[in-house]
Amino acid sequence: MNQPFDIFWQTCYKKYGFRLLPLEPSHTITVCNLPYPTNHRDPFDRMLAAQALCENIQIVSADESFDAYVISRI
């Protein structure tokens, strides 16, 4: 990266339409109802999966562990 992260983030935010996705109560409720796969219990990943479900968005990840949740992964 040839620039400070804050400049990089602002550029991505404006140029590519990135947006912040704050945690909402619906996300925390959904994460409690997700399955607990034996091979994947990472709490941060589970919250990402819950957000993807609630917001109807895709997860961008090569991690096949997300396939345990009924979400779209690219």
Protein backbone atom coordinates (compact mmCIF):
# COMPACT_ATOMS: atom_id res chain seq x y z
CA MET A 1 0.00 0.00 0.00
CA ASN A 2 1.56 3.26 -1.07
CA GLN A 3 -0.65 5.55 1.02
CA PRO A 4 -1.89 5.79 4.60
CA PHE A 5 -4.79 3.48 5.37
CA ASP A 6 -7.24 6.31 6.11
CA ILE A 7 -6.64 7.78 2.64
CA PHE A 8 -6.96 4.32 1.07
CA TRP A 9 -10.25 3.73 2.90
CA GLN A 10 -11.69 7.11 1.88
CA THR A 11 -10.79 6.39 -1.74
CA CYS A 12 -12.45 2.97 -1.64
CA TYR A 13 -15.47 4.40 0.12
CA LYS A 14 -16.02 7.03 -2.58
CA LYS A 15 -14.76 5.28 -5.70
CA TYR A 16 -16.15 1.78 -5.14
CA GLY A 17 -19.21 2.51 -3.03
CA PHE A 18 -17.96 0.80 0.12
CA ARG A 19 -20.20 1.42 3.08
CA LEU A 20 -19.98 0.89 6.79
CA LEU A 21 -22.19 -1.82 8.20
CA PRO A 22 -22.76 -1.22 11.90
CA LEU A 23 -23.92 -4.00 14.19
CA GLU A 24 -27.67 -3.90 14.62
CA PRO A 25 -29.86 -5.69 17.16
CA SER A 26 -31.21 -7.91 14.38
CA HIS A 27 -27.65 -9.07 13.65
CA THR A 28 -27.05 -10.12 17.23
CA ILE A 29 -30.38 -11.96 17.39
CA THR A 30 -29.61 -13.76 14.13
CA VAL A 31 -26.13 -14.82 15.25
CA CYS A 32 -27.73 -16.60 18.22
CA ASN A 33 -29.86 -18.65 15.83
CA LEU A 34 -27.05 -19.75 13.51
CA PRO A 35 -25.92 -23.37 13.56
CA TYR A 36 -22.72 -24.27 15.39
CA PRO A 37 -20.67 -26.28 12.90
CA THR A 38 -18.08 -28.38 14.69
CA ASN A 39 -15.29 -27.13 12.45
CA HIS A 40 -16.13 -23.42 12.59
CA ARG A 41 -17.03 -21.45 15.70
CA ASP A 42 -15.21 -18.19 15.06
CA PRO A 43 -17.42 -15.49 16.67
CA PHE A 44 -16.36 -12.75 14.25
CA ASP A 45 -17.13 -14.92 11.22
CA ARG A 46 -20.47 -15.86 12.74
CA MET A 47 -21.34 -12.17 13.09
CA LEU A 48 -20.36 -11.57 9.45
CA ALA A 49 -22.64 -14.43 8.43
CA ALA A 50 -25.50 -13.00 10.49
CA GLN A 51 -25.03 -9.58 8.90
CA ALA A 52 -25.02 -11.15 5.44
CA LEU A 53 -28.29 -12.90 6.21
CA CYS A 54 -30.00 -9.85 7.69
CA GLU A 55 -28.81 -7.43 5.03
CA ASN A 56 -29.14 -9.87 2.11
CA ILE A 57 -25.54 -9.30 1.04
CA GLN A 58 -22.76 -11.62 -0.08
CA ILE A 59 -19.63 -12.55 1.82
CA VAL A 60 -16.39 -12.09 -0.08
CA SER A 61 -14.18 -14.86 1.24
CA ALA A 62 -12.24 -17.92 0.16
CA ASP A 63 -13.05 -19.52 3.53
CA GLU A 64 -15.27 -22.54 2.88
CA SER A 65 -16.34 -22.48 6.52
CA PHE A 66 -18.92 -19.86 5.56
CA ASP A 67 -20.69 -22.52 3.50
CA ALA A 68 -22.04 -23.95 6.77
CA TYR A 69 -24.36 -20.95 6.90
CA VAL A 70 -27.05 -20.35 4.32
CA ILE A 71 -25.41 -17.29 2.78
CA SER A 72 -23.97 -16.40 -0.60
CA ARG A 73 -20.19 -16.41 -0.75
CA ILE A 74 -18.11 -15.08 -3.62
